[in-house]
Amino acid sequence: MKKLFSILLVIQVISIHQTRAQCDPATPQQNAAYEKVVKELQNQFRKNPPAGNWQVFDERHSLGKLELSDEYGKIFRICGDRYDLSFLQASAASQQKARADSAKAIGDTITQQQRSFVMSTDSIYKESDPNRTTDLAQSTVDINVEMNAGNYRVEEPISNRFAASYKTIPVDGAPLALQIILKPNDAGIAARPETVVLLGNWKNNLQKNPRGDKLYHYSYKKGGTLIENMIVTIKAPLDVASEIVKKIDWRALSNTLTK
């Protein structure tokens, strides 16, 4: 009976989130604002890969088909107001393509779905083979950009996100940037580094709420109907992330935001 109750509770929670997490059609003005931001992201990141034999492996955005997340939908990012780019070194890209082609040939839908995950480095850090995990972590760069976020959570106990260490770092043209080493969690994801650059009206105002979240809170000037902020998360070894950060014109990206 308890098991049945738990299942029903989970179904109810999912149903509530699905009801609340609606995607709203973008207005022409919102589409134009999103297009301006994404085109500059492409201009900066696609043209500035790390030094060495890196290539664009995957890119995800919603140009031409933008739907905006409401405040609940942003928990799951089911709508399109974000941008994601993955670089792989050439040898790793060949291996990933061969793996995806093989999965398609034998009907392995799980491996095929991994190819489309937005947070693809999370699956990399869950690899069961420690040697493969190390190799992939060194040969993969994921750049995930969230737009119009109300908070940036350094730690979030409810999602089992904890930091082994974190510190602010100086980035020219950005009001706030962080270097974070995340702890391994009980879902099997190993420790991993993240370099985060926040653009917009962010303040160095780290807070801790009663749930144990450690977060930076964003104060909107225009109400967030257009794009007022970006959180750029670079999932890569710290030296590679540092190289990318130095190559990017953060002021040019900041200038695309609604002031």
C-alpha atoms as a PDB file:
ATOM      1  CA  MET A   1       0.000   0.000   0.000  1.00  0.00           C
ATOM      2  CA  LYS A   2       2.842   2.374   0.888  1.00  0.00           C
ATOM      3  CA  LYS A   3       4.509   1.575  -2.431  1.00  0.00           C
ATOM      4  CA  LEU A   4       1.278   2.352  -4.312  1.00  0.00           C
ATOM      5  CA  PHE A   5       0.909   5.623  -2.418  1.00  0.00           C
ATOM      6  CA  SER A   6       4.486   6.600  -3.318  1.00  0.00           C
ATOM      7  CA  ILE A   7       3.870   5.861  -7.008  1.00  0.00           C
ATOM      8  CA  LEU A   8       0.666   7.908  -6.977  1.00  0.00           C
ATOM      9  CA  LEU A   9       2.464  10.779  -5.257  1.00  0.00           C
ATOM     10  CA  VAL A  10       5.218  10.790  -7.885  1.00  0.00           C
ATOM     11  CA  ILE A  11       2.627  10.767 -10.685  1.00  0.00           C
ATOM     12  CA  GLN A  12       0.828  13.685  -9.030  1.00  0.00           C
ATOM     13  CA  VAL A  13       4.047  15.705  -8.681  1.00  0.00           C
ATOM     14  CA  ILE A  14       4.934  15.086 -12.331  1.00  0.00           C
ATOM     15  CA  SER A  15       1.429  16.096 -13.359  1.00  0.00           C
ATOM     16  CA  ILE A  16       1.677  19.342 -11.364  1.00  0.00           C
ATOM     17  CA  HIS A  17       5.005  20.223 -12.963  1.00  0.00           C
ATOM     18  CA  GLN A  18       3.695  19.423 -16.429  1.00  0.00           C
ATOM     19  CA  THR A  19       0.658  21.636 -15.801  1.00  0.00           C
ATOM     20  CA  ARG A  20       2.741  24.525 -14.491  1.00  0.00           C
ATOM     21  CA  ALA A  21       5.789  24.168 -16.717  1.00  0.00           C
ATOM     22  CA  GLN A  22       4.141  25.644 -19.783  1.00  0.00           C
ATOM     23  CA  CYS A  23       5.946  27.113 -22.776  1.00  0.00           C
ATOM     24  CA  ASP A  24       4.647  30.461 -23.999  1.00  0.00           C
ATOM     25  CA  PRO A  25       4.953  31.519 -27.648  1.00  0.00           C
ATOM     26  CA  ALA A  26       7.515  34.294 -28.053  1.00  0.00           C
ATOM     27  CA  THR A  27       6.489  37.717 -29.320  1.00  0.00           C
ATOM     28  CA  PRO A  28       8.329  39.194 -32.321  1.00  0.00           C
ATOM     29  CA  GLN A  29      10.227  41.447 -29.910  1.00  0.00           C
ATOM     30  CA  GLN A  30      11.274  38.485 -27.760  1.00  0.00           C
ATOM     31  CA  ASN A  31      12.341  36.516 -30.838  1.00  0.00           C
ATOM     32  CA  ALA A  32      14.479  39.451 -31.970  1.00  0.00           C
ATOM     33  CA  ALA A  33      16.093  39.764 -28.521  1.00  0.00           C
ATOM     34  CA  TYR A  34      16.857  36.032 -28.387  1.00  0.00           C
ATOM     35  CA  GLU A  35      18.242  36.017 -31.940  1.00  0.00           C
ATOM     36  CA  LYS A  36      20.569  38.912 -31.118  1.00  0.00           C
ATOM     37  CA  VAL A  37      21.978  37.067 -28.089  1.00  0.00           C
ATOM     38  CA  VAL A  38      22.351  33.676 -29.808  1.00  0.00           C
ATOM     39  CA  LYS A  39      24.053  35.099 -32.899  1.00  0.00           C
ATOM     40  CA  GLU A  40      26.655  36.795 -30.712  1.00  0.00           C
ATOM     41  CA  LEU A  41      27.122  33.578 -28.700  1.00  0.00           C
ATOM     42  CA  GLN A  42      27.760  31.762 -31.975  1.00  0.00           C
ATOM     43  CA  ASN A  43      30.119  34.511 -33.111  1.00  0.00           C
ATOM     44  CA  GLN A  44      32.124  34.301 -29.886  1.00  0.00           C
ATOM     45  CA  PHE A  45      32.174  30.596 -29.028  1.00  0.00           C
ATOM     46  CA  ARG A  46      32.071  28.837 -32.408  1.00  0.00           C
ATOM     47  CA  LYS A  47      34.935  31.001 -33.643  1.00  0.00           C
ATOM     48  CA  ASN A  48      37.036  30.614 -30.500  1.00  0.00           C
ATOM     49  CA  PRO A  49      37.572  26.915 -29.774  1.00  0.00           C
ATOM     50  CA  PRO A  50      40.400  25.876 -27.443  1.00  0.00           C
ATOM     51  CA  ALA A  51      43.843  25.604 -28.989  1.00  0.00           C
ATOM     52  CA  GLY A  52      44.489  22.217 -30.560  1.00  0.00           C
ATOM     53  CA  ASN A  53      42.470  19.743 -32.577  1.00  0.00           C
ATOM     54  CA  TRP A  54      38.985  20.710 -31.346  1.00  0.00           C
ATOM     55  CA  GLN A  55      35.809  20.805 -33.414  1.00  0.00           C
ATOM     56  CA  VAL A  56      32.158  21.670 -32.880  1.00  0.00           C
ATOM     57  CA  PHE A  57      30.333  18.427 -32.097  1.00  0.00           C
ATOM     58  CA  ASP A  58      26.841  19.648 -31.259  1.00  0.00           C
ATOM     59  CA  GLU A  59      24.939  22.922 -31.031  1.00  0.00           C
ATOM     60  CA  ARG A  60      21.436  23.493 -29.653  1.00  0.00           C
ATOM     61  CA  HIS A  61      19.285  26.624 -29.741  1.00  0.00           C
ATOM     62  CA  SER A  62      15.770  27.674 -30.704  1.00  0.00           C
ATOM     63  CA  LEU A  63      16.278  30.280 -33.396  1.00  0.00           C
ATOM     64  CA  GLY A  64      13.077  30.505 -35.394  1.00  0.00           C
ATOM     65  CA  LYS A  65      11.083  28.331 -32.985  1.00  0.00           C
ATOM     66  CA  LEU A  66      11.547  30.018 -29.626  1.00  0.00           C
ATOM     67  CA  GLU A  67       9.165  29.199 -26.787  1.00  0.00           C
ATOM     68  CA  LEU A  68       9.709  30.828 -23.399  1.00  0.00           C
ATOM     69  CA  SER A  69       9.781  28.976 -20.091  1.00  0.00           C
ATOM     70  CA  ASP A  70       7.666  30.261 -17.232  1.00  0.00           C
ATOM     71  CA  GLU A  71       9.092  30.413 -13.708  1.00  0.00           C
ATOM     72  CA  TYR A  72       8.280  26.725 -13.109  1.00  0.00           C
ATOM     73  CA  GLY A  73       9.441  25.533 -16.500  1.00  0.00           C
ATOM     74  CA  LYS A  74      12.891  26.974 -15.853  1.00  0.00           C
ATOM     75  CA  ILE A  75      13.449  24.211 -13.297  1.00  0.00           C
ATOM     76  CA  PHE A  76      13.609  21.697 -16.132  1.00  0.00           C
ATOM     77  CA  ARG A  77      14.498  23.972 -19.073  1.00  0.00           C
ATOM     78  CA  ILE A  78      11.866  22.332 -21.255  1.00  0.00           C
ATOM     79  CA  CYS A  79      11.548  25.404 -23.469  1.00  0.00           C
ATOM     80  CA  GLY A  80      14.018  27.053 -25.764  1.00  0.00           C
ATOM     81  CA  ASP A  81      15.407  30.159 -24.077  1.00  0.00           C
ATOM     82  CA  ARG A  82      18.945  28.797 -23.800  1.00  0.00           C
ATOM     83  CA  TYR A  83      21.982  27.947 -25.934  1.00  0.00           C
ATOM     84  CA  ASP A  84      24.333  24.955 -25.777  1.00  0.00           C
ATOM     85  CA  LEU A  85      27.535  24.141 -27.639  1.00  0.00           C
ATOM     86  CA  SER A  86      29.842  21.118 -27.397  1.00  0.00           C
ATOM     87  CA  PHE A  87      33.432  20.801 -28.601  1.00  0.00           C
ATOM     88  CA  LEU A  88      35.224  17.480 -28.910  1.00  0.00           C
ATOM     89  CA  GLN A  89      38.784  16.727 -29.863  1.00  0.00           C
ATOM     90  CA  ALA A  90      38.868  15.043 -33.279  1.00  0.00           C
ATOM     91  CA  SER A  91      39.630  11.539 -31.986  1.00  0.00           C
ATOM     92  CA  ALA A  92      36.857  11.725 -29.394  1.00  0.00           C
ATOM     93  CA  ALA A  93      34.400  13.041 -31.981  1.00  0.00           C
ATOM     94  CA  SER A  94      35.141  10.065 -34.223  1.00  0.00           C
ATOM     95  CA  GLN A  95      34.588   7.664 -31.320  1.00  0.00           C
ATOM     96  CA  GLN A  96      31.316   9.335 -30.325  1.00  0.00           C
ATOM     97  CA  LYS A  97      30.017   9.283 -33.899  1.00  0.00           C
ATOM     98  CA  ALA A  98      30.935   5.609 -34.276  1.00  0.00           C
ATOM     99  CA  ARG A  99      29.186   4.838 -30.988  1.00  0.00           C
ATOM    100  CA  ALA A 100      26.039   6.704 -32.084  1.00  0.00           C
ATOM    101  CA  ASP A 101      26.045   5.044 -35.520  1.00  0.00           C
ATOM    102  CA  SER A 102      26.450   1.625 -33.907  1.00  0.00           C
ATOM    103  CA  ALA A 103      23.610   2.321 -31.479  1.00  0.00           C
ATOM    104  CA  LYS A 104      21.360   3.392 -34.362  1.00  0.00           C
ATOM    105  CA  ALA A 105      22.204   0.221 -36.274  1.00  0.00           C
ATOM    106  CA  ILE A 106      21.200  -2.064 -33.400  1.00  0.00           C
ATOM    107  CA  GLY A 107      18.283   0.053 -32.162  1.00  0.00           C
ATOM    108  CA  ASP A 108      19.970   1.136 -28.893  1.00  0.00           C
ATOM    109  CA  THR A 109      17.703   4.087 -28.091  1.00  0.00           C
ATOM    110  CA  ILE A 110      19.395   4.905 -24.754  1.00  0.00           C
ATOM    111  CA  THR A 111      22.763   5.619 -26.378  1.00  0.00           C
ATOM    112  CA  GLN A 112      21.024   7.528 -29.165  1.00  0.00           C
ATOM    113  CA  GLN A 113      19.234   9.703 -26.595  1.00  0.00           C
ATOM    114  CA  GLN A 114      22.502  10.464 -24.800  1.00  0.00           C
ATOM    115  CA  ARG A 115      23.632  12.162 -27.997  1.00  0.00           C
ATOM    116  CA  SER A 116      20.888  14.777 -27.549  1.00  0.00           C
ATOM    117  CA  PHE A 117      21.220  15.494 -23.810  1.00  0.00           C
ATOM    118  CA  VAL A 118      21.649  19.196 -23.083  1.00  0.00           C
ATOM    119  CA  MET A 119      23.852  18.442 -20.069  1.00  0.00           C
ATOM    120  CA  SER A 120      25.974  15.950 -21.960  1.00  0.00           C
ATOM    121  CA  THR A 121      29.000  16.129 -19.690  1.00  0.00           C
ATOM    122  CA  ASP A 122      26.882  14.741 -16.852  1.00  0.00           C
ATOM    123  CA  SER A 123      26.584  11.492 -18.787  1.00  0.00           C
ATOM    124  CA  ILE A 124      30.322  11.576 -19.444  1.00  0.00           C
ATOM    125  CA  TYR A 125      31.083  11.810 -15.751  1.00  0.00           C
ATOM    126  CA  LYS A 126      28.775   8.833 -15.106  1.00  0.00           C
ATOM    127  CA  GLU A 127      30.757   6.449 -17.321  1.00  0.00           C
ATOM    128  CA  SER A 128      31.337   3.163 -15.519  1.00  0.00           C
ATOM    129  CA  ASP A 129      34.891   2.795 -16.852  1.00  0.00           C
ATOM    130  CA  PRO A 130      37.145   5.197 -14.863  1.00  0.00           C
ATOM    131  CA  ASN A 131      39.713   5.328 -17.678  1.00  0.00           C
ATOM    132  CA  ARG A 132      37.037   6.243 -20.231  1.00  0.00           C
ATOM    133  CA  THR A 133      35.666   8.881 -17.847  1.00  0.00           C
ATOM    134  CA  THR A 134      39.095  10.489 -17.557  1.00  0.00           C
ATOM    135  CA  ASP A 135      39.686  10.422 -21.310  1.00  0.00           C
ATOM    136  CA  LEU A 136      36.283  11.935 -22.136  1.00  0.00           C
ATOM    137  CA  ALA A 137      36.558  14.598 -19.450  1.00  0.00           C
ATOM    138  CA  GLN A 138      39.835  15.754 -20.989  1.00  0.00           C
ATOM    139  CA  SER A 139      38.523  15.705 -24.565  1.00  0.00           C
ATOM    140  CA  THR A 140      35.080  17.317 -24.120  1.00  0.00           C
ATOM    141  CA  VAL A 141      33.968  20.911 -23.618  1.00  0.00           C
ATOM    142  CA  ASP A 142      30.324  21.740 -22.963  1.00  0.00           C
ATOM    143  CA  ILE A 143      29.185  25.354 -22.955  1.00  0.00           C
ATOM    144  CA  ASN A 144      25.681  25.769 -21.519  1.00  0.00           C
ATOM    145  CA  VAL A 145      24.017  29.193 -21.519  1.00  0.00           C
ATOM    146  CA  GLU A 146      20.921  29.922 -19.458  1.00  0.00           C
ATOM    147  CA  MET A 147      19.038  33.165 -20.048  1.00  0.00           C
ATOM    148  CA  ASN A 148      16.872  35.220 -17.694  1.00  0.00           C
ATOM    149  CA  ALA A 149      17.641  33.157 -14.603  1.00  0.00           C
ATOM    150  CA  GLY A 150      16.336  34.447 -11.277  1.00  0.00           C
ATOM    151  CA  ASN A 151      19.121  32.776  -9.294  1.00  0.00           C
ATOM    152  CA  TYR A 152      22.425  31.009  -9.774  1.00  0.00           C
ATOM    153  CA  ARG A 153      22.807  28.095  -7.321  1.00  0.00           C
ATOM    154  CA  VAL A 154      26.340  27.176  -6.341  1.00  0.00           C
ATOM    155  CA  GLU A 155      24.909  24.419  -4.135  1.00  0.00           C
ATOM    156  CA  GLU A 156      21.427  22.898  -4.137  1.00  0.00           C
ATOM    157  CA  PRO A 157      20.885  20.007  -1.695  1.00  0.00           C
ATOM    158  CA  ILE A 158      17.532  18.987  -3.214  1.00  0.00           C
ATOM    159  CA  SER A 159      19.284  18.118  -6.501  1.00  0.00           C
ATOM    160  CA  ASN A 160      22.344  16.723  -4.723  1.00  0.00           C
ATOM    161  CA  ARG A 161      24.600  19.497  -6.010  1.00  0.00           C
ATOM    162  CA  PHE A 162      27.445  20.256  -3.596  1.00  0.00           C
ATOM    163  CA  ALA A 163      30.711  22.086  -4.161  1.00  0.00           C
ATOM    164  CA  ALA A 164      34.038  20.816  -2.892  1.00  0.00           C
ATOM    165  CA  SER A 165      35.367  24.336  -3.498  1.00  0.00           C
ATOM    166  CA  TYR A 166      34.323  27.560  -5.195  1.00  0.00           C
ATOM    167  CA  LYS A 167      35.764  31.026  -5.617  1.00  0.00           C
ATOM    168  CA  THR A 168      35.136  34.188  -7.584  1.00  0.00           C
ATOM    169  CA  ILE A 169      37.578  34.921 -10.408  1.00  0.00           C
ATOM    170  CA  PRO A 170      38.197  38.140 -12.367  1.00  0.00           C
ATOM    171  CA  VAL A 171      36.843  38.178 -15.922  1.00  0.00           C
ATOM    172  CA  ASP A 172      37.104  41.364 -17.954  1.00  0.00           C
ATOM    173  CA  GLY A 173      33.637  42.589 -18.941  1.00  0.00           C
ATOM    174  CA  ALA A 174      31.712  40.349 -16.508  1.00  0.00           C
ATOM    175  CA  PRO A 175      30.309  41.510 -13.151  1.00  0.00           C
ATOM    176  CA  LEU A 176      30.690  38.040 -11.612  1.00  0.00           C
ATOM    177  CA  ALA A 177      32.537  34.834 -12.487  1.00  0.00           C
ATOM    178  CA  LEU A 178      33.163  31.647 -10.514  1.00  0.00           C
ATOM    179  CA  GLN A 179      35.416  28.629 -10.560  1.00  0.00           C
ATOM    180  CA  ILE A 180      33.694  25.606  -8.988  1.00  0.00           C
ATOM    181  CA  ILE A 181      34.715  22.032  -8.267  1.00  0.00           C
ATOM    182  CA  LEU A 182      31.602  19.925  -7.701  1.00  0.00           C
ATOM    183  CA  LYS A 183      31.606  16.938  -5.366  1.00  0.00           C
ATOM    184  CA  PRO A 184      30.633  13.483  -6.668  1.00  0.00           C
ATOM    185  CA  ASN A 185      27.022  12.618  -5.933  1.00  0.00           C
ATOM    186  CA  ASP A 186      25.066   9.469  -5.145  1.00  0.00           C
ATOM    187  CA  ALA A 187      23.705   9.294  -8.719  1.00  0.00           C
ATOM    188  CA  GLY A 188      27.139   8.203  -9.831  1.00  0.00           C
ATOM    189  CA  ILE A 189      28.363  11.509 -11.247  1.00  0.00           C
ATOM    190  CA  ALA A 190      32.033  12.043 -10.383  1.00  0.00           C
ATOM    191  CA  ALA A 191      33.632  15.281  -9.188  1.00  0.00           C
ATOM    192  CA  ARG A 192      33.984  17.785 -12.007  1.00  0.00           C
ATOM    193  CA  PRO A 193      35.015  21.403 -12.621  1.00  0.00           C
ATOM    194  CA  GLU A 194      32.785  24.213 -13.842  1.00  0.00           C
ATOM    195  CA  THR A 195      33.772  27.744 -14.807  1.00  0.00           C
ATOM    196  CA  VAL A 196      30.792  30.100 -14.715  1.00  0.00           C
ATOM    197  CA  VAL A 197      30.526  33.631 -16.122  1.00  0.00           C
ATOM    198  CA  LEU A 198      27.436  35.674 -15.238  1.00  0.00           C
ATOM    199  CA  LEU A 199      26.434  38.648 -17.394  1.00  0.00           C
ATOM    200  CA  GLY A 200      23.823  41.243 -16.562  1.00  0.00           C
ATOM    201  CA  ASN A 201      22.907  42.953 -13.310  1.00  0.00           C
ATOM    202  CA  TRP A 202      24.495  40.289 -11.076  1.00  0.00           C
ATOM    203  CA  LYS A 203      25.960  41.194  -7.694  1.00  0.00           C
ATOM    204  CA  ASN A 204      28.519  39.373  -5.573  1.00  0.00           C
ATOM    205  CA  ASN A 205      25.825  38.608  -2.988  1.00  0.00           C
ATOM    206  CA  LEU A 206      26.085  34.912  -2.148  1.00  0.00           C
ATOM    207  CA  GLN A 207      23.168  33.874   0.086  1.00  0.00           C
ATOM    208  CA  LYS A 208      22.114  30.725   1.923  1.00  0.00           C
ATOM    209  CA  ASN A 209      18.420  29.984   2.295  1.00  0.00           C
ATOM    210  CA  PRO A 210      16.682  27.671   4.824  1.00  0.00           C
ATOM    211  CA  ARG A 211      16.768  24.758   2.345  1.00  0.00           C
ATOM    212  CA  GLY A 212      20.559  24.888   2.288  1.00  0.00           C
ATOM    213  CA  ASP A 213      20.870  26.429  -1.192  1.00  0.00           C
ATOM    214  CA  LYS A 214      23.892  28.653  -1.696  1.00  0.00           C
ATOM    215  CA  LEU A 215      22.895  31.092  -4.408  1.00  0.00           C
ATOM    216  CA  TYR A 216      23.344  34.435  -6.075  1.00  0.00           C
ATOM    217  CA  HIS A 217      20.067  36.297  -6.611  1.00  0.00           C
ATOM    218  CA  TYR A 218      19.351  38.405  -9.691  1.00  0.00           C
ATOM    219  CA  SER A 219      17.425  41.690  -9.581  1.00  0.00           C
ATOM    220  CA  TYR A 220      15.588  42.451 -12.815  1.00  0.00           C
ATOM    221  CA  LYS A 221      15.390  46.027 -14.075  1.00  0.00           C
ATOM    222  CA  LYS A 222      12.890  45.485 -16.903  1.00  0.00           C
ATOM    223  CA  GLY A 223      10.906  42.561 -15.504  1.00  0.00           C
ATOM    224  CA  GLY A 224      12.644  39.832 -17.484  1.00  0.00           C
ATOM    225  CA  THR A 225      10.312  39.937 -20.498  1.00  0.00           C
ATOM    226  CA  LEU A 226      13.351  40.304 -22.750  1.00  0.00           C
ATOM    227  CA  ILE A 227      16.834  38.887 -22.128  1.00  0.00           C
ATOM    228  CA  GLU A 228      18.449  40.689 -19.205  1.00  0.00           C
ATOM    229  CA  ASN A 229      21.019  38.136 -18.072  1.00  0.00           C
ATOM    230  CA  MET A 230      23.076  35.121 -19.084  1.00  0.00           C
ATOM    231  CA  ILE A 231      24.741  32.378 -17.074  1.00  0.00           C
ATOM    232  CA  VAL A 232      27.515  30.824 -19.160  1.00  0.00           C
ATOM    233  CA  THR A 233      28.720  27.503 -17.716  1.00  0.00           C
ATOM    234  CA  ILE A 234      31.865  26.009 -19.229  1.00  0.00           C
ATOM    235  CA  LYS A 235      32.253  22.336 -18.330  1.00  0.00           C
ATOM    236  CA  ALA A 236      35.861  21.575 -19.105  1.00  0.00           C
ATOM    237  CA  PRO A 237      39.227  21.124 -17.396  1.00  0.00           C
ATOM    238  CA  LEU A 238      40.073  24.387 -15.649  1.00  0.00           C
ATOM    239  CA  ASP A 239      43.027  25.202 -17.910  1.00  0.00           C
ATOM    240  CA  VAL A 240      40.900  24.703 -21.044  1.00  0.00           C
ATOM    241  CA  ALA A 241      38.034  26.763 -19.572  1.00  0.00           C
ATOM    242  CA  SER A 242      40.487  29.532 -18.628  1.00  0.00           C
ATOM    243  CA  GLU A 243      41.745  29.650 -22.221  1.00  0.00           C
ATOM    244  CA  ILE A 244      38.193  29.953 -23.562  1.00  0.00           C
ATOM    245  CA  VAL A 245      37.330  32.698 -21.058  1.00  0.00           C
ATOM    246  CA  LYS A 246      40.325  34.760 -22.187  1.00  0.00           C
ATOM    247  CA  LYS A 247      39.368  34.446 -25.873  1.00  0.00           C
ATOM    248  CA  ILE A 248      35.764  35.628 -25.456  1.00  0.00           C
ATOM    249  CA  ASP A 249      34.720  39.286 -25.763  1.00  0.00           C
ATOM    250  CA  TRP A 250      32.414  39.335 -22.757  1.00  0.00           C
ATOM    251  CA  ARG A 251      31.583  43.011 -23.284  1.00  0.00           C
ATOM    252  CA  ALA A 252      30.234  42.218 -26.752  1.00  0.00           C
ATOM    253  CA  LEU A 253      28.016  39.497 -25.256  1.00  0.00           C
ATOM    254  CA  SER A 254      26.893  41.827 -22.464  1.00  0.00           C
ATOM    255  CA  ASN A 255      25.948  44.466 -25.034  1.00  0.00           C
ATOM    256  CA  THR A 256      23.297  42.124 -26.497  1.00  0.00           C
ATOM    257  CA  LEU A 257      21.356  42.175 -23.228  1.00  0.00           C
ATOM    258  CA  THR A 258      18.411  44.452 -22.500  1.00  0.00           C
ATOM    259  CA  LYS A 259      19.670  47.203 -20.229  1.00  0.00           C
END
